[in-house]
Amino acid sequence: MKAIIAILTCVVFTLTSRSQDLEKIKASENLFILIETKNKSSFVKYGGPLFKRKSSQKQEWDVTYVLSSQKKSESDLSFHYSQYINFDLADMGIFTQVFYFNKSFIKKNKDIIITEELIDKIGFQDFFKLISGGKQLFVIDKDEIKNNKIKLKQVIAIQEKEE
């Protein structure tokens, strides 16, 4: 857990380029996906109920972001966030990773944050290959930026096969 926080901290403070760098994204162990669900976005957000923890902060129980492919032959891709990544971690009481950073994180790390424009540029299947392979995925939901703070949520990717 400490190693993951250290990696995230290094990524946040060392990369400051202005444009997306596909090679840096491919080399990264952590991938950050910026999601905007407004306007003509291909992302759709489905959320579960909110509840309050002991700290009295509202917490999401379950949220899924669905990226719809433009081609009928390709299946949709979902990014799923829940309180626990899987049942084994739930049994151990280990929560899904959630980090809060200043909004400047997006500008400082613009070259390694995956946007919908980059997905359109490289193609849906190449994007799926990019996020596969044991990389940790984090979603930045622009709708959740509050008080100049962004929330990075660890998610898992699920591609449903069409039959």
C-alpha atoms as a PDB file:
ATOM      1  CA  MET A   1       0.000   0.000   0.000  1.00  0.00           C
ATOM      2  CA  LYS A   2       2.831   2.396   0.863  1.00  0.00           C
ATOM      3  CA  ALA A   3       4.538   1.533  -2.419  1.00  0.00           C
ATOM      4  CA  ILE A   4       1.414   2.452  -4.388  1.00  0.00           C
ATOM      5  CA  ILE A   5       1.146   5.789  -2.606  1.00  0.00           C
ATOM      6  CA  ALA A   6       4.838   6.442  -3.275  1.00  0.00           C
ATOM      7  CA  ILE A   7       4.395   5.624  -6.973  1.00  0.00           C
ATOM      8  CA  LEU A   8       1.377   7.919  -7.240  1.00  0.00           C
ATOM      9  CA  THR A   9       3.246  10.712  -5.493  1.00  0.00           C
ATOM     10  CA  CYS A  10       6.211  10.365  -7.865  1.00  0.00           C
ATOM     11  CA  VAL A  11       3.920  10.412 -10.880  1.00  0.00           C
ATOM     12  CA  VAL A  12       2.119  13.505  -9.618  1.00  0.00           C
ATOM     13  CA  PHE A  13       5.210  15.602  -8.998  1.00  0.00           C
ATOM     14  CA  THR A  14       7.606  14.507 -11.748  1.00  0.00           C
ATOM     15  CA  LEU A  15       5.600  14.696 -14.962  1.00  0.00           C
ATOM     16  CA  THR A  16       4.654  18.140 -16.202  1.00  0.00           C
ATOM     17  CA  SER A  17       4.490  17.948 -19.991  1.00  0.00           C
ATOM     18  CA  ARG A  18       1.672  19.693 -21.889  1.00  0.00           C
ATOM     19  CA  SER A  19       0.412  16.996 -24.270  1.00  0.00           C
ATOM     20  CA  GLN A  20      -0.470  13.337 -23.933  1.00  0.00           C
ATOM     21  CA  ASP A  21       2.466  11.005 -24.439  1.00  0.00           C
ATOM     22  CA  LEU A  22       1.331   7.528 -25.483  1.00  0.00           C
ATOM     23  CA  GLU A  23       4.742   5.996 -24.721  1.00  0.00           C
ATOM     24  CA  LYS A  24       4.683   7.366 -21.159  1.00  0.00           C
ATOM     25  CA  ILE A  25       1.149   6.085 -20.738  1.00  0.00           C
ATOM     26  CA  LYS A  26       2.154   2.613 -21.976  1.00  0.00           C
ATOM     27  CA  ALA A  27       5.144   2.531 -19.603  1.00  0.00           C
ATOM     28  CA  SER A  28       3.151   3.617 -16.562  1.00  0.00           C
ATOM     29  CA  GLU A  29       1.973   1.087 -13.982  1.00  0.00           C
ATOM     30  CA  ASN A  30      -0.942   3.355 -13.065  1.00  0.00           C
ATOM     31  CA  LEU A  31      -3.332   4.671 -15.688  1.00  0.00           C
ATOM     32  CA  PHE A  32      -5.538   7.686 -15.108  1.00  0.00           C
ATOM     33  CA  ILE A  33      -8.730   8.044 -17.143  1.00  0.00           C
ATOM     34  CA  LEU A  34     -10.442  11.427 -17.214  1.00  0.00           C
ATOM     35  CA  ILE A  35     -14.186  11.071 -17.566  1.00  0.00           C
ATOM     36  CA  GLU A  36     -16.633  13.776 -18.545  1.00  0.00           C
ATOM     37  CA  THR A  37     -20.221  12.535 -18.705  1.00  0.00           C
ATOM     38  CA  LYS A  38     -21.689  15.792 -20.021  1.00  0.00           C
ATOM     39  CA  ASN A  39     -22.268  16.945 -23.595  1.00  0.00           C
ATOM     40  CA  LYS A  40     -21.593  14.388 -26.335  1.00  0.00           C
ATOM     41  CA  SER A  41     -19.468  12.028 -24.254  1.00  0.00           C
ATOM     42  CA  SER A  42     -19.245   8.317 -25.010  1.00  0.00           C
ATOM     43  CA  PHE A  43     -19.131   7.686 -21.244  1.00  0.00           C
ATOM     44  CA  VAL A  44     -22.308   7.033 -19.274  1.00  0.00           C
ATOM     45  CA  LYS A  45     -22.280   6.940 -15.476  1.00  0.00           C
ATOM     46  CA  TYR A  46     -24.460   4.569 -13.471  1.00  0.00           C
ATOM     47  CA  GLY A  47     -24.296   5.040  -9.710  1.00  0.00           C
ATOM     48  CA  GLY A  48     -25.470   3.108  -6.737  1.00  0.00           C
ATOM     49  CA  PRO A  49     -26.777   4.393  -3.432  1.00  0.00           C
ATOM     50  CA  LEU A  50     -24.754   6.700  -1.222  1.00  0.00           C
ATOM     51  CA  PHE A  51     -24.191   5.905   2.426  1.00  0.00           C
ATOM     52  CA  LYS A  52     -22.416   7.576   5.325  1.00  0.00           C
ATOM     53  CA  ARG A  53     -19.376   6.079   7.013  1.00  0.00           C
ATOM     54  CA  LYS A  54     -18.478   6.726  10.626  1.00  0.00           C
ATOM     55  CA  SER A  55     -16.595   9.829   9.467  1.00  0.00           C
ATOM     56  CA  SER A  56     -19.996  11.132   8.267  1.00  0.00           C
ATOM     57  CA  GLN A  57     -18.720  11.636   4.705  1.00  0.00           C
ATOM     58  CA  LYS A  58     -20.996  10.404   1.961  1.00  0.00           C
ATOM     59  CA  GLN A  59     -19.495   7.400   0.186  1.00  0.00           C
ATOM     60  CA  GLU A  60     -20.431   5.744  -3.072  1.00  0.00           C
ATOM     61  CA  TRP A  61     -21.245   2.102  -2.778  1.00  0.00           C
ATOM     62  CA  ASP A  62     -21.075   1.269  -6.432  1.00  0.00           C
ATOM     63  CA  VAL A  63     -20.429   3.266  -9.626  1.00  0.00           C
ATOM     64  CA  THR A  64     -19.973   2.058 -13.204  1.00  0.00           C
ATOM     65  CA  TYR A  65     -18.733   4.151 -16.104  1.00  0.00           C
ATOM     66  CA  VAL A  66     -19.614   2.636 -19.475  1.00  0.00           C
ATOM     67  CA  LEU A  67     -17.654   3.581 -22.594  1.00  0.00           C
ATOM     68  CA  SER A  68     -19.711   2.772 -25.642  1.00  0.00           C
ATOM     69  CA  SER A  69     -17.948   1.788 -28.818  1.00  0.00           C
ATOM     70  CA  GLN A  70     -18.895   3.608 -31.987  1.00  0.00           C
ATOM     71  CA  LYS A  71     -18.808   0.319 -33.920  1.00  0.00           C
ATOM     72  CA  LYS A  72     -21.580  -2.235 -33.518  1.00  0.00           C
ATOM     73  CA  SER A  73     -19.041  -5.078 -33.855  1.00  0.00           C
ATOM     74  CA  GLU A  74     -17.233  -4.009 -30.661  1.00  0.00           C
ATOM     75  CA  SER A  75     -18.644  -4.498 -27.198  1.00  0.00           C
ATOM     76  CA  ASP A  76     -18.855  -1.771 -24.564  1.00  0.00           C
ATOM     77  CA  LEU A  77     -16.179  -1.313 -21.926  1.00  0.00           C
ATOM     78  CA  SER A  78     -17.116  -0.691 -18.288  1.00  0.00           C
ATOM     79  CA  PHE A  79     -15.040   0.767 -15.485  1.00  0.00           C
ATOM     80  CA  HIS A  80     -16.420  -0.372 -12.168  1.00  0.00           C
ATOM     81  CA  TYR A  81     -15.785   1.200  -8.765  1.00  0.00           C
ATOM     82  CA  SER A  82     -17.082  -0.292  -5.565  1.00  0.00           C
ATOM     83  CA  GLN A  83     -16.118  -0.112  -1.931  1.00  0.00           C
ATOM     84  CA  TYR A  84     -14.044  -3.295  -2.361  1.00  0.00           C
ATOM     85  CA  ILE A  85     -12.272  -4.523  -5.516  1.00  0.00           C
ATOM     86  CA  ASN A  86     -13.188  -8.151  -4.810  1.00  0.00           C
ATOM     87  CA  PHE A  87     -14.630 -10.451  -2.136  1.00  0.00           C
ATOM     88  CA  ASP A  88     -11.225 -11.507  -0.807  1.00  0.00           C
ATOM     89  CA  LEU A  89     -10.295  -7.901  -0.039  1.00  0.00           C
ATOM     90  CA  ALA A  90     -13.744  -7.322   1.448  1.00  0.00           C
ATOM     91  CA  ASP A  91     -13.179 -10.253   3.828  1.00  0.00           C
ATOM     92  CA  MET A  92      -9.862  -8.674   4.878  1.00  0.00           C
ATOM     93  CA  GLY A  93     -11.489  -5.236   5.247  1.00  0.00           C
ATOM     94  CA  ILE A  94      -9.263  -3.632   2.588  1.00  0.00           C
ATOM     95  CA  PHE A  95     -11.078  -0.808   0.810  1.00  0.00           C
ATOM     96  CA  THR A  96     -10.646   0.224  -2.802  1.00  0.00           C
ATOM     97  CA  GLN A  97      -8.023   2.933  -3.163  1.00  0.00           C
ATOM     98  CA  VAL A  98      -9.297   6.498  -3.321  1.00  0.00           C
ATOM     99  CA  PHE A  99      -6.978   9.515  -3.396  1.00  0.00           C
ATOM    100  CA  TYR A 100      -7.640  13.241  -3.282  1.00  0.00           C
ATOM    101  CA  PHE A 101      -5.391  15.741  -5.047  1.00  0.00           C
ATOM    102  CA  ASN A 102      -5.487  19.398  -5.943  1.00  0.00           C
ATOM    103  CA  LYS A 103      -7.171  20.122  -9.266  1.00  0.00           C
ATOM    104  CA  SER A 104      -3.757  21.127 -10.653  1.00  0.00           C
ATOM    105  CA  PHE A 105      -3.013  17.371 -10.835  1.00  0.00           C
ATOM    106  CA  ILE A 106      -4.847  17.319 -14.176  1.00  0.00           C
ATOM    107  CA  LYS A 107      -2.724  20.091 -15.702  1.00  0.00           C
ATOM    108  CA  LYS A 108       0.560  18.801 -14.271  1.00  0.00           C
ATOM    109  CA  ASN A 109      -0.077  15.277 -15.539  1.00  0.00           C
ATOM    110  CA  LYS A 110      -1.877  16.077 -18.772  1.00  0.00           C
ATOM    111  CA  ASP A 111       0.587  13.953 -20.750  1.00  0.00           C
ATOM    112  CA  ILE A 112      -0.259  10.734 -18.880  1.00  0.00           C
ATOM    113  CA  ILE A 113      -3.991  11.187 -18.344  1.00  0.00           C
ATOM    114  CA  ILE A 114      -6.148   9.291 -20.822  1.00  0.00           C
ATOM    115  CA  THR A 115      -8.960  11.391 -22.237  1.00  0.00           C
ATOM    116  CA  GLU A 116     -11.827  10.552 -24.533  1.00  0.00           C
ATOM    117  CA  GLU A 117      -9.992  12.374 -27.342  1.00  0.00           C
ATOM    118  CA  LEU A 118      -6.997  10.038 -26.944  1.00  0.00           C
ATOM    119  CA  ILE A 119      -9.304   7.011 -26.967  1.00  0.00           C
ATOM    120  CA  ASP A 120     -10.845   8.250 -30.228  1.00  0.00           C
ATOM    121  CA  LYS A 121      -7.365   8.863 -31.656  1.00  0.00           C
ATOM    122  CA  ILE A 122      -5.885   5.419 -30.883  1.00  0.00           C
ATOM    123  CA  GLY A 123      -9.105   3.439 -31.356  1.00  0.00           C
ATOM    124  CA  PHE A 124     -11.297   1.431 -29.028  1.00  0.00           C
ATOM    125  CA  GLN A 125      -9.470  -1.912 -29.344  1.00  0.00           C
ATOM    126  CA  ASP A 126      -6.014  -0.351 -28.902  1.00  0.00           C
ATOM    127  CA  PHE A 127      -7.322   1.438 -25.832  1.00  0.00           C
ATOM    128  CA  PHE A 128      -8.532  -1.883 -24.426  1.00  0.00           C
ATOM    129  CA  LYS A 129      -5.089  -3.413 -25.054  1.00  0.00           C
ATOM    130  CA  LEU A 130      -3.478  -0.412 -23.362  1.00  0.00           C
ATOM    131  CA  ILE A 131      -5.454  -0.809 -20.131  1.00  0.00           C
ATOM    132  CA  SER A 132      -5.029  -4.584 -20.057  1.00  0.00           C
ATOM    133  CA  GLY A 133      -2.044  -6.332 -18.592  1.00  0.00           C
ATOM    134  CA  GLY A 134      -2.162  -5.825 -14.848  1.00  0.00           C
ATOM    135  CA  LYS A 135      -2.089  -2.035 -14.811  1.00  0.00           C
ATOM    136  CA  GLN A 136      -3.906  -0.244 -12.011  1.00  0.00           C
ATOM    137  CA  LEU A 137      -6.695   1.944 -13.330  1.00  0.00           C
ATOM    138  CA  PHE A 138      -7.886   5.144 -11.709  1.00  0.00           C
ATOM    139  CA  VAL A 139     -10.825   7.255 -12.819  1.00  0.00           C
ATOM    140  CA  ILE A 140     -11.011  11.023 -12.477  1.00  0.00           C
ATOM    141  CA  ASP A 141     -14.668  12.008 -12.780  1.00  0.00           C
ATOM    142  CA  LYS A 142     -14.888  15.709 -13.686  1.00  0.00           C
ATOM    143  CA  ASP A 143     -18.370  15.830 -12.128  1.00  0.00           C
ATOM    144  CA  GLU A 144     -16.804  15.040  -8.745  1.00  0.00           C
ATOM    145  CA  ILE A 145     -14.349  17.955  -8.654  1.00  0.00           C
ATOM    146  CA  LYS A 146     -15.295  19.985  -5.600  1.00  0.00           C
ATOM    147  CA  ASN A 147     -13.476  22.714  -3.681  1.00  0.00           C
ATOM    148  CA  ASN A 148     -10.557  22.538  -6.131  1.00  0.00           C
ATOM    149  CA  LYS A 149      -9.994  18.854  -5.210  1.00  0.00           C
ATOM    150  CA  ILE A 150     -10.169  15.873  -7.523  1.00  0.00           C
ATOM    151  CA  LYS A 151     -10.935  12.331  -6.497  1.00  0.00           C
ATOM    152  CA  LEU A 152      -8.985   9.438  -8.018  1.00  0.00           C
ATOM    153  CA  LYS A 153     -10.877   6.156  -7.682  1.00  0.00           C
ATOM    154  CA  GLN A 154      -9.381   2.763  -8.398  1.00  0.00           C
ATOM    155  CA  VAL A 155     -11.548   0.840 -10.862  1.00  0.00           C
ATOM    156  CA  ILE A 156     -11.572  -2.454 -12.687  1.00  0.00           C
ATOM    157  CA  ALA A 157     -12.256  -2.732 -16.420  1.00  0.00           C
ATOM    158  CA  ILE A 158     -14.796  -5.175 -17.798  1.00  0.00           C
ATOM    159  CA  GLN A 159     -15.389  -5.798 -21.493  1.00  0.00           C
ATOM    160  CA  GLU A 160     -18.492  -7.816 -22.199  1.00  0.00           C
ATOM    161  CA  LYS A 161     -18.243 -10.065 -25.213  1.00  0.00           C
ATOM    162  CA  GLU A 162     -21.011  -9.886 -27.772  1.00  0.00           C
ATOM    163  CA  GLU A 163     -22.420 -13.229 -28.861  1.00  0.00           C
END
